[in-house]
């Protein structure tokens, strides 16, 4: 059995209305690659290091699926909605789960 893959994103949203377009568009791409939200915003505490205003964790069936989703033409087109015009900025890591 393969270990699952995860996206861990930390995001600062600068234009909420434009960011909503990114959120609406990413659902179909994540579904195509089997991505499921485990964390999507919500309360958090940052006892060490730095933080951003929004935290997101997506789970995929495998690390390979997580990487393929990020690098897909579909997601890159959707990501442009977030990246253009300083809608949001953030940090992203794709990590293999522990079995």
N, C-alpha and C. Protein backbone atom coordinates (compact mmCIF):
# COMPACT_ATOMS: atom_id res chain seq x y z
N UNK A 1 0.84 -1.19 0.00
CA UNK A 1 0.00 0.00 0.00
C UNK A 1 0.88 1.25 0.00
N UNK A 2 0.56 2.18 -0.87
CA UNK A 2 1.34 3.41 -0.98
C UNK A 2 0.95 4.40 0.11
N UNK A 3 1.94 5.17 0.52
CA UNK A 3 1.67 6.25 1.47
C UNK A 3 0.89 7.36 0.77
N UNK A 4 0.02 8.00 1.49
CA UNK A 4 -0.76 9.11 0.94
C UNK A 4 0.14 10.31 0.73
N UNK A 5 -0.34 11.25 -0.07
CA UNK A 5 0.38 12.50 -0.31
C UNK A 5 -0.44 13.65 0.22
N UNK A 6 0.22 14.71 0.62
CA UNK A 6 -0.45 15.86 1.22
C UNK A 6 0.11 17.16 0.66
N UNK A 7 -0.79 18.10 0.45
CA UNK A 7 -0.40 19.49 0.21
C UNK A 7 -0.59 20.20 1.54
N UNK A 8 0.39 20.97 1.93
CA UNK A 8 0.26 21.82 3.10
C UNK A 8 0.53 23.24 2.64
N UNK A 9 -0.50 24.06 2.72
CA UNK A 9 -0.40 25.44 2.26
C UNK A 9 -0.64 26.42 3.38
N UNK A 10 0.13 27.48 3.37
CA UNK A 10 -0.05 28.60 4.30
C UNK A 10 -0.20 29.83 3.45
N UNK A 11 -1.29 30.55 3.60
CA UNK A 11 -1.67 31.57 2.63
C UNK A 11 -2.08 32.86 3.33
N UNK A 12 -1.70 33.98 2.74
CA UNK A 12 -2.22 35.30 3.10
C UNK A 12 -3.05 35.78 1.91
N UNK A 13 -4.32 36.01 2.13
CA UNK A 13 -5.23 36.47 1.08
C UNK A 13 -5.27 37.99 1.13
N UNK A 14 -5.02 38.62 -0.04
CA UNK A 14 -5.03 40.08 -0.12
C UNK A 14 -6.29 40.61 -0.80
N UNK A 15 -6.95 39.79 -1.61
CA UNK A 15 -8.17 40.20 -2.32
C UNK A 15 -9.17 39.06 -2.21
N UNK A 16 -10.04 39.14 -1.21
CA UNK A 16 -10.95 38.04 -0.89
C UNK A 16 -11.90 37.72 -2.04
N UNK A 17 -12.43 38.71 -2.71
CA UNK A 17 -13.37 38.45 -3.81
C UNK A 17 -12.68 37.71 -4.95
N UNK A 18 -11.49 38.11 -5.31
CA UNK A 18 -10.74 37.41 -6.37
C UNK A 18 -10.33 36.02 -5.91
N UNK A 19 -10.00 35.86 -4.63
CA UNK A 19 -9.60 34.56 -4.09
C UNK A 19 -10.76 33.57 -4.16
N UNK A 20 -11.98 34.06 -3.98
CA UNK A 20 -13.15 33.19 -4.07
C UNK A 20 -13.26 32.54 -5.45
N UNK A 21 -12.82 33.23 -6.50
CA UNK A 21 -12.82 32.66 -7.85
C UNK A 21 -11.85 31.48 -7.93
N UNK A 22 -10.69 31.63 -7.30
CA UNK A 22 -9.71 30.54 -7.25
C UNK A 22 -10.30 29.34 -6.50
N UNK A 23 -10.93 29.58 -5.37
CA UNK A 23 -11.52 28.51 -4.56
C UNK A 23 -12.60 27.77 -5.36
N UNK A 24 -13.43 28.52 -6.06
CA UNK A 24 -14.50 27.90 -6.86
C UNK A 24 -13.92 27.05 -7.99
N UNK A 25 -12.84 27.51 -8.59
CA UNK A 25 -12.26 26.81 -9.73
C UNK A 25 -11.42 25.60 -9.33
N UNK A 26 -10.85 25.60 -8.13
CA UNK A 26 -9.94 24.50 -7.78
C UNK A 26 -10.67 23.21 -7.42
N UNK A 27 -11.94 23.26 -7.09
CA UNK A 27 -12.68 22.07 -6.66
C UNK A 27 -12.67 20.97 -7.71
N UNK A 28 -12.89 21.32 -8.96
CA UNK A 28 -12.93 20.31 -10.03
C UNK A 28 -11.56 19.67 -10.24
N UNK A 29 -10.51 20.46 -10.13
CA UNK A 29 -9.15 19.93 -10.31
C UNK A 29 -8.81 18.97 -9.17
N UNK A 30 -9.10 19.37 -7.95
CA UNK A 30 -8.81 18.50 -6.81
C UNK A 30 -9.59 17.20 -6.91
N UNK A 31 -10.85 17.27 -7.32
CA UNK A 31 -11.67 16.06 -7.49
C UNK A 31 -11.08 15.14 -8.55
N UNK A 32 -10.60 15.72 -9.63
CA UNK A 32 -10.00 14.94 -10.72
C UNK A 32 -8.81 14.12 -10.23
N UNK A 33 -8.05 14.66 -9.30
CA UNK A 33 -6.85 13.99 -8.79
C UNK A 33 -7.09 13.31 -7.44
N UNK A 34 -8.33 13.29 -6.99
CA UNK A 34 -8.66 12.62 -5.73
C UNK A 34 -8.29 13.40 -4.49
N UNK A 35 -8.11 14.71 -4.61
CA UNK A 35 -7.74 15.53 -3.45
C UNK A 35 -8.94 15.79 -2.55
N UNK A 36 -8.71 15.71 -1.24
CA UNK A 36 -9.75 15.95 -0.23
C UNK A 36 -9.20 16.90 0.83
N UNK A 37 -9.99 17.90 1.15
CA UNK A 37 -9.56 18.84 2.19
C UNK A 37 -9.65 18.19 3.56
N UNK A 38 -8.58 18.29 4.32
CA UNK A 38 -8.57 17.90 5.73
C UNK A 38 -8.64 19.14 6.61
N UNK A 39 -8.00 20.21 6.13
CA UNK A 39 -8.00 21.49 6.82
C UNK A 39 -8.24 22.56 5.76
N UNK A 40 -9.15 23.46 6.06
CA UNK A 40 -9.45 24.54 5.11
C UNK A 40 -9.78 25.78 5.92
N UNK A 41 -8.74 26.48 6.34
CA UNK A 41 -8.95 27.64 7.19
C UNK A 41 -9.15 27.18 8.63
N UNK A 42 -9.99 27.85 9.34
CA UNK A 42 -10.28 27.47 10.72
C UNK A 42 -9.32 28.10 11.72
N UNK A 43 -9.65 27.89 12.98
CA UNK A 43 -8.84 28.45 14.06
C UNK A 43 -7.48 27.77 14.10
N UNK A 44 -6.48 28.52 14.51
CA UNK A 44 -5.15 27.94 14.68
C UNK A 44 -4.36 28.73 15.70
N UNK A 45 -3.36 28.09 16.22
CA UNK A 45 -2.40 28.71 17.12
C UNK A 45 -1.03 28.51 16.51
N UNK A 46 -0.17 29.48 16.62
CA UNK A 46 1.17 29.41 16.04
C UNK A 46 2.20 29.59 17.14
N UNK A 47 2.45 28.54 17.95
CA UNK A 47 3.32 28.69 19.10
C UNK A 47 4.81 28.84 18.76
N UNK A 48 5.20 28.51 17.51
CA UNK A 48 6.60 28.66 17.12
C UNK A 48 6.69 29.13 15.68
N UNK A 49 7.74 29.86 15.35
CA UNK A 49 7.98 30.27 13.97
C UNK A 49 7.02 31.33 13.50
N UNK A 50 6.89 31.41 12.18
CA UNK A 50 6.02 32.42 11.57
C UNK A 50 4.74 31.75 11.07
N UNK A 51 3.76 32.56 10.77
CA UNK A 51 2.49 32.02 10.26
C UNK A 51 1.96 32.92 9.16
N UNK A 52 0.94 32.43 8.53
CA UNK A 52 0.14 33.20 7.58
C UNK A 52 -1.30 33.12 8.08
N UNK A 53 -2.19 33.86 7.45
CA UNK A 53 -3.55 33.97 7.99
C UNK A 53 -4.44 32.76 7.69
N UNK A 54 -4.06 31.92 6.73
CA UNK A 54 -4.91 30.79 6.33
C UNK A 54 -4.04 29.55 6.16
N UNK A 55 -4.53 28.42 6.66
CA UNK A 55 -3.82 27.14 6.54
C UNK A 55 -4.73 26.13 5.85
N UNK A 56 -4.14 25.35 4.95
CA UNK A 56 -4.89 24.37 4.18
C UNK A 56 -4.09 23.08 4.11
N UNK A 57 -4.78 21.93 4.29
CA UNK A 57 -4.17 20.63 4.10
C UNK A 57 -5.09 19.81 3.21
N UNK A 58 -4.54 19.31 2.10
CA UNK A 58 -5.28 18.41 1.22
C UNK A 58 -4.62 17.04 1.25
N UNK A 59 -5.43 16.01 1.21
CA UNK A 59 -4.93 14.64 1.20
C UNK A 59 -5.21 14.03 -0.17
N UNK A 60 -4.24 13.32 -0.71
CA UNK A 60 -4.36 12.59 -1.97
C UNK A 60 -4.06 11.12 -1.70
N UNK A 61 -4.51 10.24 -2.58
CA UNK A 61 -4.31 8.81 -2.40
C UNK A 61 -2.84 8.41 -2.39
N UNK A 62 -2.00 9.22 -3.04
CA UNK A 62 -0.57 8.92 -3.06
C UNK A 62 0.22 10.21 -3.23
N UNK A 63 1.49 10.13 -2.92
CA UNK A 63 2.40 11.26 -3.12
C UNK A 63 2.45 11.62 -4.61
N UNK A 64 2.51 10.59 -5.46
CA UNK A 64 2.57 10.83 -6.90
C UNK A 64 1.34 11.59 -7.39
N UNK A 65 0.16 11.26 -6.87
CA UNK A 65 -1.06 11.99 -7.25
C UNK A 65 -0.99 13.44 -6.79
N UNK A 66 -0.47 13.67 -5.60
CA UNK A 66 -0.35 15.04 -5.08
C UNK A 66 0.57 15.88 -5.96
N UNK A 67 1.70 15.29 -6.36
CA UNK A 67 2.65 16.00 -7.23
C UNK A 67 2.04 16.22 -8.61
N UNK A 68 1.40 15.20 -9.15
CA UNK A 68 0.80 15.30 -10.48
C UNK A 68 -0.28 16.39 -10.52
N UNK A 69 -1.07 16.48 -9.47
CA UNK A 69 -2.11 17.50 -9.42
C UNK A 69 -1.48 18.89 -9.47
N UNK A 70 -0.49 19.13 -8.65
CA UNK A 70 0.13 20.46 -8.60
C UNK A 70 0.71 20.86 -9.95
N UNK A 71 1.38 19.94 -10.62
CA UNK A 71 2.06 20.25 -11.87
C UNK A 71 1.16 20.12 -13.10
N UNK A 72 -0.09 19.72 -12.92
CA UNK A 72 -0.99 19.54 -14.05
C UNK A 72 -1.32 20.89 -14.70
N UNK A 73 -1.59 20.84 -15.99
CA UNK A 73 -2.02 22.05 -16.69
C UNK A 73 -3.29 22.61 -16.07
N UNK A 74 -4.19 21.71 -15.64
CA UNK A 74 -5.44 22.14 -15.02
C UNK A 74 -5.18 23.00 -13.78
N UNK A 75 -4.33 22.51 -12.87
CA UNK A 75 -4.10 23.27 -11.65
C UNK A 75 -3.28 24.53 -11.92
N UNK A 76 -2.33 24.45 -12.81
CA UNK A 76 -1.53 25.64 -13.11
C UNK A 76 -2.41 26.78 -13.64
N UNK A 77 -3.43 26.44 -14.44
CA UNK A 77 -4.37 27.45 -14.93
C UNK A 77 -5.17 28.04 -13.77
N UNK A 78 -5.61 27.19 -12.84
CA UNK A 78 -6.37 27.67 -11.68
C UNK A 78 -5.47 28.49 -10.76
N UNK A 79 -4.25 28.04 -10.57
CA UNK A 79 -3.32 28.75 -9.69
C UNK A 79 -3.07 30.17 -10.19
N UNK A 80 -3.15 30.38 -11.49
CA UNK A 80 -2.95 31.73 -12.04
C UNK A 80 -3.99 32.70 -11.49
N UNK A 81 -5.19 32.20 -11.15
CA UNK A 81 -6.21 33.06 -10.54
C UNK A 81 -5.77 33.57 -9.18
N UNK A 82 -5.02 32.75 -8.46
CA UNK A 82 -4.54 33.11 -7.13
C UNK A 82 -3.28 33.97 -7.20
N UNK A 83 -2.43 33.66 -8.15
CA UNK A 83 -1.12 34.32 -8.24
C UNK A 83 -1.16 35.68 -8.92
N UNK A 84 -2.10 35.84 -9.85
CA UNK A 84 -2.13 37.09 -10.60
C UNK A 84 -2.64 38.24 -9.73
N UNK A 85 -2.13 39.41 -10.02
CA UNK A 85 -2.57 40.64 -9.34
C UNK A 85 -2.49 40.57 -7.82
N UNK A 86 -1.56 39.80 -7.30
CA UNK A 86 -1.33 39.73 -5.85
C UNK A 86 -2.60 39.39 -5.07
N UNK A 87 -3.40 38.46 -5.61
CA UNK A 87 -4.62 38.02 -4.92
C UNK A 87 -4.26 37.37 -3.59
N UNK A 88 -3.23 36.54 -3.62
CA UNK A 88 -2.77 35.85 -2.41
C UNK A 88 -1.33 35.43 -2.60
N UNK A 89 -0.64 35.27 -1.48
CA UNK A 89 0.72 34.73 -1.52
C UNK A 89 0.82 33.69 -0.42
N UNK A 90 1.74 32.76 -0.63
CA UNK A 90 1.83 31.73 0.39
C UNK A 90 3.01 30.82 0.23
N UNK A 91 3.00 29.80 1.05
CA UNK A 91 4.02 28.77 1.05
C UNK A 91 3.30 27.43 0.85
N UNK A 92 3.92 26.56 0.07
CA UNK A 92 3.30 25.26 -0.22
C UNK A 92 4.38 24.18 -0.12
N UNK A 93 4.01 23.08 0.49
CA UNK A 93 4.87 21.91 0.50
C UNK A 93 4.01 20.71 0.14
N UNK A 94 4.59 19.81 -0.65
CA UNK A 94 3.94 18.54 -0.97
C UNK A 94 4.75 17.48 -0.25
N UNK A 95 4.09 16.70 0.57
CA UNK A 95 4.82 15.76 1.43
C UNK A 95 4.20 14.39 1.37
N UNK A 96 5.04 13.38 1.48
CA UNK A 96 4.56 12.00 1.52
C UNK A 96 4.18 11.66 2.96
N UNK A 97 3.04 11.00 3.10
CA UNK A 97 2.58 10.60 4.42
C UNK A 97 3.38 9.46 5.00
N UNK A 98 3.16 9.21 6.25
CA UNK A 98 3.86 8.15 6.98
C UNK A 98 2.92 6.99 7.17
N UNK A 99 3.37 5.83 6.81
CA UNK A 99 2.54 4.62 6.96
C UNK A 99 3.07 3.78 8.10
